[in-house]
All heavy atoms as atom14 arrays in JSON, in Angstrom:
{
  "sequence": "LVDQTRLILPAYGTYTGGLRSSDHALNALMGDRAMAILTGHQPQ",
  "atom14_mask": [
    [1, 1, 1, 1, 1, 1, 1, 1, 0, 0, 0, 0, 0, 0],
    [1, 1, 1, 1, 1, 1, 1, 0, 0, 0, 0, 0, 0, 0],
    [1, 1, 1, 1, 1, 1, 1, 1, 0, 0, 0, 0, 0, 0],
    [1, 1, 1, 1, 1, 1, 1, 1, 1, 0, 0, 0, 0, 0],
    [1, 1, 1, 1, 1, 1, 1, 0, 0, 0, 0, 0, 0, 0],
    [1, 1, 1, 1, 1, 1, 1, 1, 1, 1, 1, 0, 0, 0],
    [1, 1, 1, 1, 1, 1, 1, 1, 0, 0, 0, 0, 0, 0],
    [1, 1, 1, 1, 1, 1, 1, 1, 0, 0, 0, 0, 0, 0],
    [1, 1, 1, 1, 1, 1, 1, 1, 0, 0, 0, 0, 0, 0],
    [1, 1, 1, 1, 1, 1, 1, 0, 0, 0, 0, 0, 0, 0],
    [1, 1, 1, 1, 1, 0, 0, 0, 0, 0, 0, 0, 0, 0],
    [1, 1, 1, 1, 1, 1, 1, 1, 1, 1, 1, 1, 0, 0],
    [1, 1, 1, 1, 0, 0, 0, 0, 0, 0, 0, 0, 0, 0],
    [1, 1, 1, 1, 1, 1, 1, 0, 0, 0, 0, 0, 0, 0],
    [1, 1, 1, 1, 1, 1, 1, 1, 1, 1, 1, 1, 0, 0],
    [1, 1, 1, 1, 1, 1, 1, 0, 0, 0, 0, 0, 0, 0],
    [1, 1, 1, 1, 0, 0, 0, 0, 0, 0, 0, 0, 0, 0],
    [1, 1, 1, 1, 0, 0, 0, 0, 0, 0, 0, 0, 0, 0],
    [1, 1, 1, 1, 1, 1, 1, 1, 0, 0, 0, 0, 0, 0],
    [1, 1, 1, 1, 1, 1, 1, 1, 1, 1, 1, 0, 0, 0],
    [1, 1, 1, 1, 1, 1, 0, 0, 0, 0, 0, 0, 0, 0],
    [1, 1, 1, 1, 1, 1, 0, 0, 0, 0, 0, 0, 0, 0],
    [1, 1, 1, 1, 1, 1, 1, 1, 0, 0, 0, 0, 0, 0],
    [1, 1, 1, 1, 1, 1, 1, 1, 1, 1, 0, 0, 0, 0],
    [1, 1, 1, 1, 1, 0, 0, 0, 0, 0, 0, 0, 0, 0],
    [1, 1, 1, 1, 1, 1, 1, 1, 0, 0, 0, 0, 0, 0],
    [1, 1, 1, 1, 1, 1, 1, 1, 0, 0, 0, 0, 0, 0],
    [1, 1, 1, 1, 1, 0, 0, 0, 0, 0, 0, 0, 0, 0],
    [1, 1, 1, 1, 1, 1, 1, 1, 0, 0, 0, 0, 0, 0],
    [1, 1, 1, 1, 1, 1, 1, 1, 0, 0, 0, 0, 0, 0],
    [1, 1, 1, 1, 0, 0, 0, 0, 0, 0, 0, 0, 0, 0],
    [1, 1, 1, 1, 1, 1, 1, 1, 0, 0, 0, 0, 0, 0],
    [1, 1, 1, 1, 1, 1, 1, 1, 1, 1, 1, 0, 0, 0],
    [1, 1, 1, 1, 1, 0, 0, 0, 0, 0, 0, 0, 0, 0],
    [1, 1, 1, 1, 1, 1, 1, 1, 0, 0, 0, 0, 0, 0],
    [1, 1, 1, 1, 1, 0, 0, 0, 0, 0, 0, 0, 0, 0],
    [1, 1, 1, 1, 1, 1, 1, 1, 0, 0, 0, 0, 0, 0],
    [1, 1, 1, 1, 1, 1, 1, 1, 0, 0, 0, 0, 0, 0],
    [1, 1, 1, 1, 1, 1, 1, 0, 0, 0, 0, 0, 0, 0],
    [1, 1, 1, 1, 0, 0, 0, 0, 0, 0, 0, 0, 0, 0],
    [1, 1, 1, 1, 1, 1, 1, 1, 1, 1, 0, 0, 0, 0],
    [1, 1, 1, 1, 1, 1, 1, 1, 1, 0, 0, 0, 0, 0],
    [1, 1, 1, 1, 1, 1, 1, 0, 0, 0, 0, 0, 0, 0],
    [1, 1, 1, 1, 1, 1, 1, 1, 1, 0, 0, 0, 0, 0]
  ],
  "atom14_positions": [
    [[-1.85, -2.36, -0.09], [-1.42, -2.66, -1.45], [-1.64, -4.15, -1.68], [-1.26, -4.98, -0.85], [0.06, -2.31, -1.65], [0.48, -0.87, -1.38], [1.96, -0.69, -1.66], [-0.35, 0.13, -2.19], [0.0, 0.0, 0.0], [0.0, 0.0, 0.0], [0.0, 0.0, 0.0], [0.0, 0.0, 0.0], [0.0, 0.0, 0.0], [0.0, 0.0, 0.0]],
    [[-2.26, -4.5, -2.81], [-2.58, -5.9, -3.07], [-2.38, -6.24, -4.53], [-2.73, -5.45, -5.42], [-4.03, -6.21, -2.62], [-5.05, -5.32, -3.33], [-4.37, -7.68, -2.82], [0.0, 0.0, 0.0], [0.0, 0.0, 0.0], [0.0, 0.0, 0.0], [0.0, 0.0, 0.0], [0.0, 0.0, 0.0], [0.0, 0.0, 0.0], [0.0, 0.0, 0.0]],
    [[-1.75, -7.39, -4.78], [-1.64, -7.92, -6.14], [-1.98, -9.41, -6.09], [-2.64, -9.87, -5.15], [-0.28, -7.61, -6.78], [0.9, -8.27, -6.07], [0.67, -9.17, -5.22], [2.05, -7.91, -6.36], [0.0, 0.0, 0.0], [0.0, 0.0, 0.0], [0.0, 0.0, 0.0], [0.0, 0.0, 0.0], [0.0, 0.0, 0.0], [0.0, 0.0, 0.0]],
    [[-1.52, -10.18, -7.04], [-1.88, -11.59, -7.1], [-1.22, -12.44, -6.02], [-1.74, -13.51, -5.68], [-1.5, -12.16, -8.48], [-2.27, -11.54, -9.63], [-3.77, -11.76, -9.52], [-4.21, -12.9, -9.34], [-4.55, -10.71, -9.62], [0.0, 0.0, 0.0], [0.0, 0.0, 0.0], [0.0, 0.0, 0.0], [0.0, 0.0, 0.0], [0.0, 0.0, 0.0]],
    [[-0.1, -11.98, -5.47], [0.65, -12.84, -4.55], [0.81, -12.26, -3.15], [1.01, -13.01, -2.19], [2.06, -13.13, -5.1], [2.77, -11.9, -5.28], [1.97, -13.87, -6.43], [0.0, 0.0, 0.0], [0.0, 0.0, 0.0], [0.0, 0.0, 0.0], [0.0, 0.0, 0.0], [0.0, 0.0, 0.0], [0.0, 0.0, 0.0], [0.0, 0.0, 0.0]],
    [[0.76, -10.94, -3.01], [1.03, -10.35, -1.7], [0.06, -9.23, -1.38], [-0.46, -8.55, -2.25], [2.48, -9.84, -1.6], [2.92, -8.88, -2.67], [4.3, -8.29, -2.36], [5.32, -9.27, -2.14], [6.07, -9.82, -3.1], [5.87, -9.46, -4.36], [7.01, -10.69, -2.81], [0.0, 0.0, 0.0], [0.0, 0.0, 0.0], [0.0, 0.0, 0.0]],
    [[-0.15, -9.08, -0.08], [-0.98, -8.01, 0.47], [-0.17, -7.33, 1.55], [0.27, -7.97, 2.5], [-2.27, -8.61, 1.05], [-3.15, -7.73, 1.93], [-3.64, -6.5, 1.18], [-4.33, -8.54, 2.47], [0.0, 0.0, 0.0], [0.0, 0.0, 0.0], [0.0, 0.0, 0.0], [0.0, 0.0, 0.0], [0.0, 0.0, 0.0], [0.0, 0.0, 0.0]],
    [[0.08, -6.04, 1.39], [0.86, -5.26, 2.36], [-0.08, -4.3, 3.07], [-0.76, -3.49, 2.43], [2.01, -4.5, 1.69], [2.94, -5.47, 0.95], [2.8, -3.7, 2.72], [4.1, -4.8, 0.23], [0.0, 0.0, 0.0], [0.0, 0.0, 0.0], [0.0, 0.0, 0.0], [0.0, 0.0, 0.0], [0.0, 0.0, 0.0], [0.0, 0.0, 0.0]],
    [[-0.11, -4.4, 4.4], [-1.01, -3.57, 5.2], [-0.38, -2.22, 5.53], [0.84, -2.1, 5.67], [-1.36, -4.27, 6.51], [-2.63, -5.14, 6.51], [-2.51, -6.28, 5.5], [-2.87, -5.7, 7.9], [0.0, 0.0, 0.0], [0.0, 0.0, 0.0], [0.0, 0.0, 0.0], [0.0, 0.0, 0.0], [0.0, 0.0, 0.0], [0.0, 0.0, 0.0]],
    [[-1.21, -1.18, 5.69], [-0.7, 0.11, 6.16], [-0.35, 0.03, 7.64], [-0.78, -0.88, 8.35], [-1.89, 1.05, 5.94], [-3.09, 0.16, 6.07], [-2.68, -1.17, 5.48], [0.0, 0.0, 0.0], [0.0, 0.0, 0.0], [0.0, 0.0, 0.0], [0.0, 0.0, 0.0], [0.0, 0.0, 0.0], [0.0, 0.0, 0.0], [0.0, 0.0, 0.0]],
    [[0.46, 0.97, 8.09], [0.74, 1.06, 9.53], [-0.52, 1.5, 10.26], [-1.22, 2.42, 9.83], [1.88, 2.05, 9.77], [0.0, 0.0, 0.0], [0.0, 0.0, 0.0], [0.0, 0.0, 0.0], [0.0, 0.0, 0.0], [0.0, 0.0, 0.0], [0.0, 0.0, 0.0], [0.0, 0.0, 0.0], [0.0, 0.0, 0.0], [0.0, 0.0, 0.0]],
    [[-0.8, 0.84, 11.37], [-2.0, 1.13, 12.15], [-1.74, 2.16, 13.24], [-2.64, 2.87, 13.67], [-2.5, -0.18, 12.78], [-3.89, -0.13, 13.35], [-4.99, -0.43, 12.56], [-4.11, 0.18, 14.69], [-6.29, -0.41, 13.08], [-5.39, 0.21, 15.22], [-6.48, -0.08, 14.41], [-7.74, -0.06, 14.94], [0.0, 0.0, 0.0], [0.0, 0.0, 0.0]],
    [[-0.5, 2.25, 13.7], [-0.19, 3.09, 14.85], [-0.17, 4.58, 14.54], [0.07, 5.01, 13.41], [0.0, 0.0, 0.0], [0.0, 0.0, 0.0], [0.0, 0.0, 0.0], [0.0, 0.0, 0.0], [0.0, 0.0, 0.0], [0.0, 0.0, 0.0], [0.0, 0.0, 0.0], [0.0, 0.0, 0.0], [0.0, 0.0, 0.0], [0.0, 0.0, 0.0]],
    [[-0.4, 5.36, 15.59], [-0.31, 6.81, 15.5], [1.16, 7.22, 15.41], [2.02, 6.58, 15.98], [-0.95, 7.44, 16.75], [-2.3, 6.99, 16.84], [-0.94, 8.95, 16.7], [0.0, 0.0, 0.0], [0.0, 0.0, 0.0], [0.0, 0.0, 0.0], [0.0, 0.0, 0.0], [0.0, 0.0, 0.0], [0.0, 0.0, 0.0], [0.0, 0.0, 0.0]],
    [[1.45, 8.29, 14.67], [2.8, 8.82, 14.45], [3.67, 7.91, 13.58], [4.9, 8.01, 13.62], [3.56, 9.05, 15.77], [2.97, 10.06, 16.72], [3.31, 10.03, 18.07], [2.09, 11.05, 16.3], [2.8, 10.94, 18.97], [1.57, 11.97, 17.2], [1.92, 11.91, 18.53], [1.41, 12.82, 19.43], [0.0, 0.0, 0.0], [0.0, 0.0, 0.0]],
    [[3.08, 7.02, 12.8], [3.92, 6.06, 12.08], [4.39, 6.54, 10.71], [5.34, 5.99, 10.16], [3.17, 4.73, 11.9], [1.84, 4.98, 11.45], [3.11, 3.97, 13.21], [0.0, 0.0, 0.0], [0.0, 0.0, 0.0], [0.0, 0.0, 0.0], [0.0, 0.0, 0.0], [0.0, 0.0, 0.0], [0.0, 0.0, 0.0], [0.0, 0.0, 0.0]],
    [[3.75, 7.54, 10.13], [4.2, 8.01, 8.82], [3.97, 6.95, 7.75], [3.24, 5.98, 7.96], [0.0, 0.0, 0.0], [0.0, 0.0, 0.0], [0.0, 0.0, 0.0], [0.0, 0.0, 0.0], [0.0, 0.0, 0.0], [0.0, 0.0, 0.0], [0.0, 0.0, 0.0], [0.0, 0.0, 0.0], [0.0, 0.0, 0.0], [0.0, 0.0, 0.0]],
    [[4.59, 7.12, 6.59], [4.38, 6.15, 5.53], [5.31, 6.34, 4.36], [5.98, 7.36, 4.21], [0.0, 0.0, 0.0], [0.0, 0.0, 0.0], [0.0, 0.0, 0.0], [0.0, 0.0, 0.0], [0.0, 0.0, 0.0], [0.0, 0.0, 0.0], [0.0, 0.0, 0.0], [0.0, 0.0, 0.0], [0.0, 0.0, 0.0], [0.0, 0.0, 0.0]],
    [[5.36, 5.3, 3.5], [6.17, 5.29, 2.29], [5.22, 5.31, 1.09], [4.3, 4.5, 0.99], [7.02, 4.01, 2.25], [7.99, 3.84, 1.08], [9.11, 4.88, 1.16], [8.57, 2.43, 1.07], [0.0, 0.0, 0.0], [0.0, 0.0, 0.0], [0.0, 0.0, 0.0], [0.0, 0.0, 0.0], [0.0, 0.0, 0.0], [0.0, 0.0, 0.0]],
    [[5.45, 6.26, 0.19], [4.56, 6.39, -0.97], [4.6, 5.12, -1.83], [5.65, 4.51, -2.0], [4.96, 7.59, -1.82], [4.68, 8.93, -1.17], [4.94, 10.07, -2.15], [4.77, 11.37, -1.53], [3.61, 11.99, -1.35], [2.49, 11.4, -1.76], [3.55, 13.17, -0.78], [0.0, 0.0, 0.0], [0.0, 0.0, 0.0], [0.0, 0.0, 0.0]],
    [[3.45, 4.77, -2.36], [3.38, 3.59, -3.22], [4.24, 3.73, -4.47], [4.62, 2.74, -5.08], [1.93, 3.32, -3.63], [1.41, 4.41, -4.4], [0.0, 0.0, 0.0], [0.0, 0.0, 0.0], [0.0, 0.0, 0.0], [0.0, 0.0, 0.0], [0.0, 0.0, 0.0], [0.0, 0.0, 0.0], [0.0, 0.0, 0.0], [0.0, 0.0, 0.0]],
    [[4.57, 4.97, -4.83], [5.41, 5.21, -6.0], [6.9, 5.02, -5.71], [7.71, 5.05, -6.64], [5.18, 6.64, -6.53], [5.43, 7.6, -5.5], [0.0, 0.0, 0.0], [0.0, 0.0, 0.0], [0.0, 0.0, 0.0], [0.0, 0.0, 0.0], [0.0, 0.0, 0.0], [0.0, 0.0, 0.0], [0.0, 0.0, 0.0], [0.0, 0.0, 0.0]],
    [[7.25, 4.8, -4.44], [8.65, 4.58, -4.1], [9.17, 3.31, -4.78], [8.45, 2.32, -4.94], [8.79, 4.45, -2.58], [10.25, 4.39, -2.14], [10.81, 3.28, -2.13], [10.81, 5.43, -1.8], [0.0, 0.0, 0.0], [0.0, 0.0, 0.0], [0.0, 0.0, 0.0], [0.0, 0.0, 0.0], [0.0, 0.0, 0.0], [0.0, 0.0, 0.0]],
    [[10.44, 3.33, -5.15], [11.03, 2.19, -5.88], [10.87, 0.9, -5.11], [10.62, -0.16, -5.71], [12.51, 2.46, -6.16], [13.22, 1.26, -6.75], [13.03, 0.86, -8.05], [14.08, 0.36, -6.18], [13.76, -0.23, -8.27], [14.4, -0.55, -7.16], [0.0, 0.0, 0.0], [0.0, 0.0, 0.0], [0.0, 0.0, 0.0], [0.0, 0.0, 0.0]],
    [[11.01, 0.95, -3.77], [10.94, -0.28, -2.98], [9.59, -0.97, -3.16], [9.52, -2.21, -3.27], [11.19, 0.03, -1.51], [0.0, 0.0, 0.0], [0.0, 0.0, 0.0], [0.0, 0.0, 0.0], [0.0, 0.0, 0.0], [0.0, 0.0, 0.0], [0.0, 0.0, 0.0], [0.0, 0.0, 0.0], [0.0, 0.0, 0.0], [0.0, 0.0, 0.0]],
    [[8.51, -0.21, -3.18], [7.18, -0.8, -3.34], [6.88, -1.11, -4.8], [6.23, -2.12, -5.1], [6.13, 0.14, -2.76], [6.17, 0.25, -1.23], [5.23, 1.35, -0.74], [5.82, -1.08, -0.56], [0.0, 0.0, 0.0], [0.0, 0.0, 0.0], [0.0, 0.0, 0.0], [0.0, 0.0, 0.0], [0.0, 0.0, 0.0], [0.0, 0.0, 0.0]],
    [[7.36, -0.27, -5.71], [7.18, -0.55, -7.13], [7.8, -1.88, -7.52], [7.26, -2.64, -8.31], [7.82, 0.57, -7.96], [6.78, 1.49, -8.56], [5.84, 1.04, -9.18], [6.96, 2.78, -8.35], [0.0, 0.0, 0.0], [0.0, 0.0, 0.0], [0.0, 0.0, 0.0], [0.0, 0.0, 0.0], [0.0, 0.0, 0.0], [0.0, 0.0, 0.0]],
    [[8.97, -2.16, -6.94], [9.67, -3.39, -7.27], [8.97, -4.62, -6.71], [9.1, -5.72, -7.26], [11.11, -3.32, -6.74], [0.0, 0.0, 0.0], [0.0, 0.0, 0.0], [0.0, 0.0, 0.0], [0.0, 0.0, 0.0], [0.0, 0.0, 0.0], [0.0, 0.0, 0.0], [0.0, 0.0, 0.0], [0.0, 0.0, 0.0], [0.0, 0.0, 0.0]],
    [[8.21, -4.45, -5.64], [7.55, -5.58, -4.99], [6.21, -5.94, -5.64], [5.85, -7.11, -5.75], [7.3, -5.27, -3.51], [8.5, -5.3, -2.58], [8.11, -4.75, -1.21], [9.02, -6.73, -2.43], [0.0, 0.0, 0.0], [0.0, 0.0, 0.0], [0.0, 0.0, 0.0], [0.0, 0.0, 0.0], [0.0, 0.0, 0.0], [0.0, 0.0, 0.0]],
    [[5.46, -4.92, -6.04], [4.07, -5.14, -6.44], [3.94, -5.33, -7.95], [4.61, -4.66, -8.74], [3.2, -3.95, -5.99], [3.3, -3.64, -4.5], [2.93, -5.04, -3.42], [1.18, -5.31, -3.79], [0.0, 0.0, 0.0], [0.0, 0.0, 0.0], [0.0, 0.0, 0.0], [0.0, 0.0, 0.0], [0.0, 0.0, 0.0], [0.0, 0.0, 0.0]],
    [[3.06, -6.24, -8.34], [2.84, -6.54, -9.74], [2.22, -5.39, -10.5], [1.71, -4.42, -9.92], [0.0, 0.0, 0.0], [0.0, 0.0, 0.0], [0.0, 0.0, 0.0], [0.0, 0.0, 0.0], [0.0, 0.0, 0.0], [0.0, 0.0, 0.0], [0.0, 0.0, 0.0], [0.0, 0.0, 0.0], [0.0, 0.0, 0.0], [0.0, 0.0, 0.0]],
    [[2.2, -5.54, -11.83], [1.73, -4.46, -12.7], [0.27, -4.09, -12.45], [-0.14, -2.95, -12.66], [1.9, -4.85, -14.16], [3.37, -4.94, -14.57], [4.21, -4.36, -13.86], [3.66, -5.6, -15.59], [0.0, 0.0, 0.0], [0.0, 0.0, 0.0], [0.0, 0.0, 0.0], [0.0, 0.0, 0.0], [0.0, 0.0, 0.0], [0.0, 0.0, 0.0]],
    [[-0.54, -5.06, -12.02], [-1.97, -4.8, -11.82], [-2.31, -4.61, -10.35], [-3.48, -4.77, -9.95], [-2.79, -5.95, -12.41], [-2.69, -6.02, -13.94], [-3.63, -7.05, -14.51], [-3.23, -8.41, -14.15], [-3.94, -9.5, -14.4], [-5.12, -9.39, -14.99], [-3.5, -10.69, -14.06], [0.0, 0.0, 0.0], [0.0, 0.0, 0.0], [0.0, 0.0, 0.0]],
    [[-1.33, -4.23, -9.55], [-1.56, -4.03, -8.12], [-2.57, -2.91, -7.89], [-2.63, -1.93, -8.64], [-0.26, -3.71, -7.41], [0.0, 0.0, 0.0], [0.0, 0.0, 0.0], [0.0, 0.0, 0.0], [0.0, 0.0, 0.0], [0.0, 0.0, 0.0], [0.0, 0.0, 0.0], [0.0, 0.0, 0.0], [0.0, 0.0, 0.0], [0.0, 0.0, 0.0]],
    [[-3.34, -3.05, -6.82], [-4.32, -2.06, -6.43], [-3.94, -1.47, -5.07], [-3.26, -2.12, -4.27], [-5.71, -2.68, -6.34], [-6.18, -3.39, -7.6], [-6.33, -2.29, -9.03], [-7.79, -1.34, -8.56], [0.0, 0.0, 0.0], [0.0, 0.0, 0.0], [0.0, 0.0, 0.0], [0.0, 0.0, 0.0], [0.0, 0.0, 0.0], [0.0, 0.0, 0.0]],
    [[-4.38, -0.25, -4.84], [-4.22, 0.4, -3.55], [-5.61, 0.68, -2.97], [-6.5, 1.15, -3.69], [-3.44, 1.71, -3.69], [0.0, 0.0, 0.0], [0.0, 0.0, 0.0], [0.0, 0.0, 0.0], [0.0, 0.0, 0.0], [0.0, 0.0, 0.0], [0.0, 0.0, 0.0], [0.0, 0.0, 0.0], [0.0, 0.0, 0.0], [0.0, 0.0, 0.0]],
    [[-5.78, 0.36, -1.7], [-7.03, 0.67, -1.01], [-6.72, 1.73, 0.04], [-6.05, 1.46, 1.04], [-7.65, -0.58, -0.35], [-7.87, -1.68, -1.39], [-8.96, -0.21, 0.34], [-8.34, -2.99, -0.79], [0.0, 0.0, 0.0], [0.0, 0.0, 0.0], [0.0, 0.0, 0.0], [0.0, 0.0, 0.0], [0.0, 0.0, 0.0], [0.0, 0.0, 0.0]],
    [[-7.17, 2.94, -0.22], [-6.89, 4.06, 0.68], [-7.81, 3.97, 1.9], [-9.01, 3.72, 1.77], [-7.1, 5.4, -0.03], [-5.97, 5.88, -0.95], [-5.84, 4.99, -2.18], [-6.16, 7.33, -1.36], [0.0, 0.0, 0.0], [0.0, 0.0, 0.0], [0.0, 0.0, 0.0], [0.0, 0.0, 0.0], [0.0, 0.0, 0.0], [0.0, 0.0, 0.0]],
    [[-7.24, 4.19, 3.07], [-8.0, 4.12, 4.31], [-8.73, 5.45, 4.55], [-8.58, 6.41, 3.82], [-7.08, 3.82, 5.49], [-6.08, 4.86, 5.59], [-6.36, 2.49, 5.31], [0.0, 0.0, 0.0], [0.0, 0.0, 0.0], [0.0, 0.0, 0.0], [0.0, 0.0, 0.0], [0.0, 0.0, 0.0], [0.0, 0.0, 0.0], [0.0, 0.0, 0.0]],
    [[-9.53, 5.48, 5.61], [-10.26, 6.7, 5.97], [-11.74, 6.41, 6.13], [-12.19, 5.26, 6.07], [0.0, 0.0, 0.0], [0.0, 0.0, 0.0], [0.0, 0.0, 0.0], [0.0, 0.0, 0.0], [0.0, 0.0, 0.0], [0.0, 0.0, 0.0], [0.0, 0.0, 0.0], [0.0, 0.0, 0.0], [0.0, 0.0, 0.0], [0.0, 0.0, 0.0]],
    [[-12.52, 7.46, 6.33], [-13.96, 7.3, 6.55], [-14.65, 6.69, 5.33], [-15.65, 5.97, 5.48], [-14.6, 8.65, 6.88], [-14.18, 9.19, 8.21], [-14.44, 8.54, 9.4], [-13.5, 10.32, 8.55], [-13.94, 9.23, 10.41], [-13.37, 10.31, 9.93], [0.0, 0.0, 0.0], [0.0, 0.0, 0.0], [0.0, 0.0, 0.0], [0.0, 0.0, 0.0]],
    [[-14.12, 6.95, 4.16], [-14.64, 6.35, 2.93], [-13.49, 5.71, 2.17], [-12.88, 6.34, 1.31], [-15.33, 7.4, 2.06], [-16.61, 7.97, 2.68], [-17.29, 8.95, 1.75], [-16.66, 9.8, 1.13], [-18.61, 8.85, 1.66], [0.0, 0.0, 0.0], [0.0, 0.0, 0.0], [0.0, 0.0, 0.0], [0.0, 0.0, 0.0], [0.0, 0.0, 0.0]],
    [[-13.15, 4.45, 2.5], [-12.05, 3.78, 1.8], [-12.3, 3.75, 0.29], [-13.45, 3.65, -0.15], [-12.06, 2.36, 2.39], [-12.76, 2.5, 3.7], [-13.78, 3.58, 3.51], [0.0, 0.0, 0.0], [0.0, 0.0, 0.0], [0.0, 0.0, 0.0], [0.0, 0.0, 0.0], [0.0, 0.0, 0.0], [0.0, 0.0, 0.0], [0.0, 0.0, 0.0]],
    [[-11.22, 3.88, -0.47], [-11.34, 3.88, -1.92], [-10.28, 2.96, -2.51], [-9.14, 2.93, -2.02], [-11.17, 5.29, -2.47], [-12.23, 6.26, -1.98], [-12.1, 7.63, -2.61], [-12.19, 7.79, -3.81], [-11.88, 8.64, -1.79], [0.0, 0.0, 0.0], [0.0, 0.0, 0.0], [0.0, 0.0, 0.0], [0.0, 0.0, 0.0], [0.0, 0.0, 0.0]]
  ]
}
């Protein structure tokens, strides 16, 4: 997750799970124009 001031990395480890970007905790942190870069064989 990236905006003008902060970049939050995904968990790298196996079995780590995750928090949806729509969760209030992340919504409150990230600016209105924040972008998400999805990982995988073809990052988007």
